[in-house]
Protein backbone atom coordinates (compact mmCIF):
# COMPACT_ATOMS: atom_id res chain seq x y z
CA MET A 1 33.51 44.43 49.09
CA SER A 2 33.80 42.39 45.49
CA ASP A 3 35.86 39.57 47.79
CA LEU A 4 33.33 39.45 50.52
CA HIS A 5 31.55 36.25 49.41
CA GLY A 6 33.51 35.67 46.04
CA ILE A 7 30.34 35.09 43.88
CA THR A 8 29.12 37.64 41.52
CA THR A 9 25.84 37.07 39.48
CA SER A 10 24.38 38.88 36.40
CA HIS A 11 22.48 41.90 36.31
CA SER A 12 19.18 39.98 35.68
CA GLU A 13 19.65 38.08 38.56
CA VAL A 14 19.40 41.28 40.87
CA LEU A 15 16.19 41.41 39.78
CA SER A 16 14.94 38.05 40.15
CA GLY A 17 16.73 37.06 43.23
CA PRO A 18 18.39 33.84 44.39
CA ARG A 19 15.07 32.04 45.16
CA GLY A 20 12.71 31.13 42.18
CA GLY A 21 11.96 32.46 38.48
CA GLY A 22 12.22 36.36 37.72
CA ASP A 23 8.52 36.41 36.61
CA SER A 24 6.92 35.11 39.88
CA ARG A 25 9.31 37.36 41.86
CA GLU A 26 8.55 40.52 40.02
CA ARG A 27 4.52 39.74 40.62
CA GLU A 28 5.03 38.84 44.20
CA ALA A 29 7.45 42.09 45.11
CA VAL A 30 6.60 44.24 47.87
CA LEU A 31 9.09 46.94 45.92
CA ALA A 32 10.12 46.89 42.57
CA ALA A 33 12.65 49.38 40.90
CA HIS A 34 13.07 49.25 36.97
CA ASP A 35 15.97 50.92 34.88
CA LEU A 36 16.31 53.68 37.87
CA ARG A 37 18.38 56.36 36.83
CA LYS A 38 19.35 59.60 38.97
CA VAL A 39 21.14 62.46 37.49
CA TYR A 40 22.25 65.85 38.92
CA ILE A 41 23.00 68.78 37.07
CA GLY A 42 25.92 71.04 38.28
CA GLY A 43 26.03 74.80 38.26
CA ASP A 44 27.88 74.84 35.08
CA GLY A 45 25.44 72.51 33.54
CA SER A 46 27.84 69.45 33.66
CA GLU A 47 25.80 65.87 34.54
CA LEU A 48 26.54 63.56 37.34
CA THR A 49 25.14 60.12 37.01
CA ILE A 50 24.60 58.72 40.45
CA LEU A 51 22.19 55.73 39.85
CA ASP A 52 22.44 54.41 35.95
CA GLY A 53 19.81 51.60 35.47
CA VAL A 54 19.62 50.09 38.92
CA GLU A 55 16.96 47.12 39.21
CA ILE A 56 15.99 45.38 42.36
CA ASN A 57 12.95 43.31 43.52
CA VAL A 58 12.30 42.72 47.39
CA ALA A 59 10.17 39.75 48.39
CA PRO A 60 7.39 39.94 51.10
CA GLY A 61 9.43 39.68 54.36
CA GLU A 62 12.71 39.47 52.73
CA ALA A 63 15.80 41.17 54.14
CA VAL A 64 18.18 42.74 51.55
CA ALA A 65 21.58 44.55 52.54
CA ILE A 66 23.07 47.03 50.07
CA VAL A 67 26.73 47.83 50.28
CA GLY A 68 29.36 49.88 48.56
CA ALA A 69 31.86 52.62 48.93
CA SER A 70 30.97 55.76 50.47
CA GLY A 71 29.61 58.09 47.99
CA ALA A 72 28.47 55.26 45.67
CA GLY A 73 24.82 56.28 45.96
CA LYS A 74 23.30 53.90 48.59
CA SER A 75 21.74 56.65 50.46
CA THR A 76 20.41 58.27 47.23
CA LEU A 77 19.02 55.07 46.47
CA LEU A 78 16.94 54.38 49.63
CA HIS A 79 15.49 58.06 49.29
CA LEU A 80 14.32 57.19 45.75
CA LEU A 81 13.00 53.74 46.81
CA GLY A 82 11.21 55.20 50.00
CA GLY A 83 9.50 58.39 47.81
CA LEU A 84 11.88 60.92 49.64
CA ASP A 85 13.46 61.94 46.16
CA ARG A 86 12.31 61.50 42.61
CA PRO A 87 14.43 59.88 40.04
CA THR A 88 15.48 61.31 36.67
CA SER A 89 13.74 58.26 35.00
CA GLY A 90 12.58 54.80 35.71
CA GLU A 91 9.95 52.93 37.75
CA ILE A 92 9.51 52.39 41.55
CA LEU A 93 6.66 50.11 42.33
CA LEU A 94 5.55 49.83 45.99
CA GLY A 95 3.03 46.83 46.31
CA GLY A 96 2.39 47.11 42.68
CA VAL A 97 1.69 50.82 42.56
CA SER A 98 3.92 53.34 40.95
CA ILE A 99 5.09 55.65 43.52
CA ALA A 100 7.08 58.08 41.05
CA GLU A 101 3.91 58.89 39.38
CA GLN A 102 2.09 60.14 42.93
CA GLY A 103 1.32 63.79 43.47
CA GLU A 104 3.08 65.30 46.62
CA GLU A 105 0.20 64.76 49.07
CA GLU A 106 -0.64 60.88 47.93
CA LEU A 107 3.25 60.43 47.94
CA ALA A 108 3.14 61.35 51.61
CA ARG A 109 0.74 59.33 52.69
CA ILE A 110 2.18 56.33 51.14
CA ARG A 111 5.37 57.36 52.78
CA ASN A 112 3.64 57.36 56.20
CA GLU A 113 1.52 54.17 55.93
CA GLN A 114 3.48 51.73 53.87
CA ILE A 115 7.15 52.38 54.45
CA GLY A 116 9.07 52.55 57.55
CA PHE A 117 12.34 54.71 57.80
CA VAL A 118 15.29 54.37 60.00
CA PHE A 119 18.29 56.28 59.38
CA GLN A 120 21.77 56.87 61.16
CA PHE A 121 20.69 59.58 63.04
CA HIS A 122 17.44 58.62 64.75
CA HIS A 123 15.34 62.12 63.99
CA LEU A 124 13.27 61.97 67.01
CA LEU A 125 11.18 64.74 67.81
CA ARG A 126 13.25 66.34 70.68
CA GLU A 127 10.08 67.90 72.74
CA PHE A 128 7.93 64.51 72.70
CA THR A 129 8.38 61.57 74.62
CA ALA A 130 9.24 58.20 73.39
CA LEU A 131 5.79 56.95 73.51
CA GLU A 132 4.69 60.17 71.67
CA ASN A 133 7.51 59.65 69.10
CA VAL A 134 5.98 56.10 68.26
CA MET A 135 2.48 57.81 68.13
CA MET A 136 3.24 60.31 65.48
CA PRO A 137 2.77 58.40 62.53
CA LEU A 138 -0.24 56.94 63.47
CA MET A 139 -1.93 60.31 64.69
CA ILE A 140 -0.86 61.87 61.09
CA GLY A 141 -2.41 59.00 59.35
CA GLY A 142 -5.77 59.42 61.55
CA THR A 143 -5.58 56.72 64.12
CA GLU A 144 -7.76 57.44 67.08
CA ARG A 145 -5.50 58.39 69.81
CA GLY A 146 -6.42 55.64 72.07
CA MET A 147 -5.51 52.83 69.71
CA ALA A 148 -2.35 54.98 68.41
CA GLU A 149 -1.24 55.18 72.30
CA ASP A 150 -1.87 51.02 72.58
CA ARG A 151 0.15 50.40 69.23
CA ALA A 152 2.95 52.59 70.57
CA ARG A 153 2.97 51.10 73.81
CA GLU A 154 3.00 47.67 72.25
CA LEU A 155 5.90 48.23 70.07
CA LEU A 156 7.88 49.89 72.81
CA GLU A 157 7.56 46.58 74.73
CA VAL A 158 8.53 44.78 71.57
CA VAL A 159 11.91 46.80 71.34
CA GLY A 160 12.61 46.34 75.19
CA LEU A 161 11.62 50.24 76.10
CA GLY A 162 8.25 49.40 77.90
CA GLN A 163 10.06 51.15 80.99
CA ARG A 164 11.08 54.27 79.12
CA LEU A 165 7.54 55.37 77.57
CA ASP A 166 7.68 58.73 79.19
CA HIS A 167 11.46 59.58 78.77
CA MET A 168 12.53 62.33 76.25
CA PRO A 169 14.88 61.50 73.63
CA ARG A 170 17.76 63.30 75.54
CA GLN A 171 17.19 60.85 78.44
CA LEU A 172 17.99 58.01 76.28
CA SER A 173 20.94 56.28 75.10
CA GLY A 174 22.14 56.26 71.21
CA GLY A 175 21.11 52.64 71.27
CA GLU A 176 17.80 53.17 73.08
CA GLN A 177 16.95 56.40 70.42
CA GLN A 178 17.55 53.89 67.65
CA ARG A 179 15.17 51.59 69.02
CA VAL A 180 12.58 54.11 69.54
CA ALA A 181 13.11 54.60 65.73
CA VAL A 182 12.65 51.28 64.86
CA ALA A 183 9.21 51.21 66.85
CA ARG A 184 8.21 54.38 65.23
CA ALA A 185 8.95 53.00 61.87
CA LEU A 186 6.70 49.78 62.51
CA ALA A 187 3.94 51.88 63.80
CA ASN A 188 1.60 51.61 60.64
CA ARG A 189 2.63 47.91 60.00
CA PRO A 190 4.31 49.24 56.62
CA LEU A 191 5.14 46.61 53.97
CA ILE A 192 8.97 47.38 54.05
CA ILE A 193 11.52 49.26 56.34
CA LEU A 194 14.35 50.92 54.47
CA ALA A 195 17.33 51.37 57.04
CA ASP A 196 20.42 53.66 56.18
CA GLU A 197 23.52 53.07 58.09
CA PRO A 198 21.21 52.17 61.18
CA SER A 199 24.05 51.19 63.63
CA GLY A 200 26.48 53.65 62.15
CA ASN A 201 26.86 55.67 65.18
CA LEU A 202 26.66 52.95 68.03
CA ASP A 203 29.35 51.02 69.66
CA THR A 204 29.90 47.35 68.47
CA GLN A 205 27.84 45.75 71.59
CA THR A 206 24.94 48.43 71.09
CA ALA A 207 25.03 47.65 67.41
CA LYS A 208 24.81 44.04 67.47
CA GLU A 209 21.85 44.48 69.79
CA LEU A 210 20.15 46.57 67.08
CA HIS A 211 20.84 44.17 64.49
CA ASP A 212 19.18 41.31 66.53
CA LEU A 213 16.20 43.56 67.05
CA PHE A 214 15.69 44.51 63.59
CA PHE A 215 15.55 40.43 62.42
CA ARG A 216 13.46 39.72 65.56
CA VAL A 217 10.66 42.29 64.24
CA ARG A 218 11.02 41.14 60.89
CA ALA A 219 10.04 37.89 61.78
CA GLU A 220 7.51 39.03 64.30
CA GLU A 221 5.74 41.66 61.69
CA GLY A 222 6.42 39.99 58.89
CA VAL A 223 7.87 43.16 57.17
CA ALA A 224 10.64 43.62 54.40
CA LEU A 225 13.85 45.15 55.24
CA VAL A 226 16.31 46.86 52.95
CA VAL A 227 19.53 48.23 54.63
CA ALA A 228 22.26 50.10 53.46
CA THR A 229 25.51 49.65 55.46
CA HIS A 230 29.05 49.32 56.02
CA ASN A 231 28.67 46.72 58.85
CA HIS A 232 29.71 43.24 57.63
CA GLU A 233 27.96 41.50 60.43
CA LEU A 234 24.75 43.20 59.62
CA ALA A 235 25.18 42.84 55.90
CA ASP A 236 25.80 39.00 56.19
CA ARG A 237 22.59 38.41 58.18
CA ALA A 238 20.56 39.35 55.12
CA ASP A 239 18.87 36.95 52.54
CA ARG A 240 20.49 38.44 49.90
CA LEU A 241 23.52 41.00 49.52
CA LEU A 242 23.63 43.69 46.87
CA GLN A 243 26.46 45.95 45.99
CA LEU A 244 26.24 49.32 44.42
CA LYS A 245 29.02 50.30 42.20
CA GLU A 246 29.29 52.71 39.52
CA GLY A 247 25.71 53.34 39.46
CA GLN A 248 24.22 49.65 39.43
CA LEU A 249 23.63 46.82 41.74
CA SER A 250 25.22 43.14 41.54
CA SER A 251 24.75 40.42 43.81
CA PHE A 252 26.68 38.59 46.53
CA TYR A 253 25.24 35.56 48.05
CA PRO A 254 25.59 35.32 51.94
CA LYS A 255 26.37 31.82 53.16
């Protein structure tokens, strides 16, 4: 991927981004990570460093794509940014709040209310309808059932599944299931969506439709987007393209 755009930048520019100075961007960031490290300890006591000093700031409404070789640590990075795992060291700020310092209960609340997740596998609850799956984050957060249902219906209309509300996941195609997952990720009007290879299991046309959906709902909902992907078409549509290599991020600029 190093010749995808032919332009690399310094490590500090990953933090500041392509539009404006680092200080103002850092203050305005929806999500920021500073000196982020993740080290795993093997059974023999040896250390395996996956992330080694990652720096990233994501502005409100910004779309950032992260690329890199398989095994480079893209999924690990998204899990840390989303509070699904804890870093060995470093700081992660979501809306200016350090999530690494939160207890498990508060961290679960933050994940549910402020972060939307879309994975390569949709992870829908098989025993619930599309409507109920989208309602779930709202119900967990204490939203009254009628309001949760209204919001879920609205989002399923947005993603083009207004006629599939009562279908179970097994009755939906792979692309439709991912659309439900996108709607679910938006349910609580999060600050940011984190997507890990969201179109990795889809055919070319369905993947393109999903990519179009991401950027349409990003514009309509005003939500920031960080996506880890091997798909060049999706990566090229982002505002910024970052490469994860040897545990650190470096920048490429689309177009």
